[in-house]
Amino acid sequence: MTLIAIFFPALSFLLRGRIFTAIICLILQITLIGWIPAAVWAVISLQNARAERRNDKLIRAMKNN
């Protein structure tokens, strides 16, 4: 998924169900200069989503104990 975020940033957002964000990212990556910020944005967003999922899992585990 990280490689998709680097090479196809808008597709990364689409695969995660963030359609509006994918459209904005696609507009940004249309320009060659905007491709790098779009890729960085997609990778950071992916990492944040993974961290949020991990934190939610830990919170649920703590509540069950």
Protein backbone atom coordinates (compact mmCIF):
# COMPACT_ATOMS: atom_id res chain seq x y z
CA MET A 1 0.00 0.00 0.00
CA THR A 2 2.92 2.33 0.66
CA LEU A 3 4.20 1.88 -2.90
CA ILE A 4 0.76 2.74 -4.24
CA ALA A 5 0.78 5.86 -2.06
CA ILE A 6 4.13 6.90 -3.53
CA PHE A 7 3.49 6.17 -7.20
CA PHE A 8 -0.30 6.69 -7.36
CA PRO A 9 -1.24 8.99 -4.46
CA ALA A 10 -4.85 9.57 -5.53
CA LEU A 11 -5.43 5.84 -5.94
CA SER A 12 -4.22 5.30 -2.40
CA PHE A 13 -6.95 7.60 -1.09
CA LEU A 14 -9.56 5.98 -3.35
CA LEU A 15 -8.72 2.50 -2.10
CA ARG A 16 -9.23 3.68 1.47
CA GLY A 17 -12.62 5.19 0.65
CA ARG A 18 -11.66 8.87 0.83
CA ILE A 19 -13.15 10.03 -2.47
CA PHE A 20 -13.11 13.81 -1.91
CA THR A 21 -9.50 13.68 -0.71
CA ALA A 22 -8.58 11.56 -3.75
CA ILE A 23 -10.01 14.20 -6.09
CA ILE A 24 -8.02 16.96 -4.38
CA CYS A 25 -4.89 14.82 -4.49
CA LEU A 26 -5.43 14.05 -8.18
CA ILE A 27 -5.68 17.77 -8.96
CA LEU A 28 -2.45 18.32 -7.04
CA GLN A 29 -0.58 15.48 -8.72
CA ILE A 30 -1.55 16.54 -12.25
CA THR A 31 1.35 18.95 -12.17
CA LEU A 32 4.82 17.46 -12.05
CA ILE A 33 5.82 19.74 -9.18
CA GLY A 34 2.71 18.74 -7.22
CA TRP A 35 3.43 15.03 -7.51
CA ILE A 36 5.99 15.02 -4.69
CA PRO A 37 3.75 16.81 -2.16
CA ALA A 38 0.83 14.57 -3.17
CA ALA A 39 2.94 11.45 -2.61
CA VAL A 40 4.20 12.70 0.74
CA TRP A 41 0.63 13.57 1.76
CA ALA A 42 -0.61 10.11 0.78
CA VAL A 43 2.17 8.30 2.67
CA ILE A 44 1.70 10.40 5.81
CA SER A 45 -2.06 9.89 5.65
CA LEU A 46 -1.57 6.14 5.29
CA GLN A 47 0.79 6.03 8.28
CA ASN A 48 -1.65 8.09 10.38
CA ALA A 49 -4.52 5.75 9.49
CA ARG A 50 -2.44 2.74 10.51
CA ALA A 51 -1.50 4.39 13.81
CA GLU A 52 -5.13 5.29 14.50
CA ARG A 53 -6.23 1.70 13.84
CA ARG A 54 -3.49 0.43 16.18
CA ASN A 55 -4.53 2.89 18.92
CA ASP A 56 -8.20 1.92 18.59
CA LYS A 57 -7.23 -1.73 18.95
CA LEU A 58 -5.22 -0.97 22.09
CA ILE A 59 -8.06 1.07 23.60
CA ARG A 60 -10.54 -1.75 22.95
CA ALA A 61 -8.14 -4.24 24.55
CA MET A 62 -7.76 -2.03 27.63
CA LYS A 63 -11.53 -1.62 28.01
CA ASN A 64 -12.06 -5.38 27.87
CA ASN A 65 -9.69 -6.00 30.80
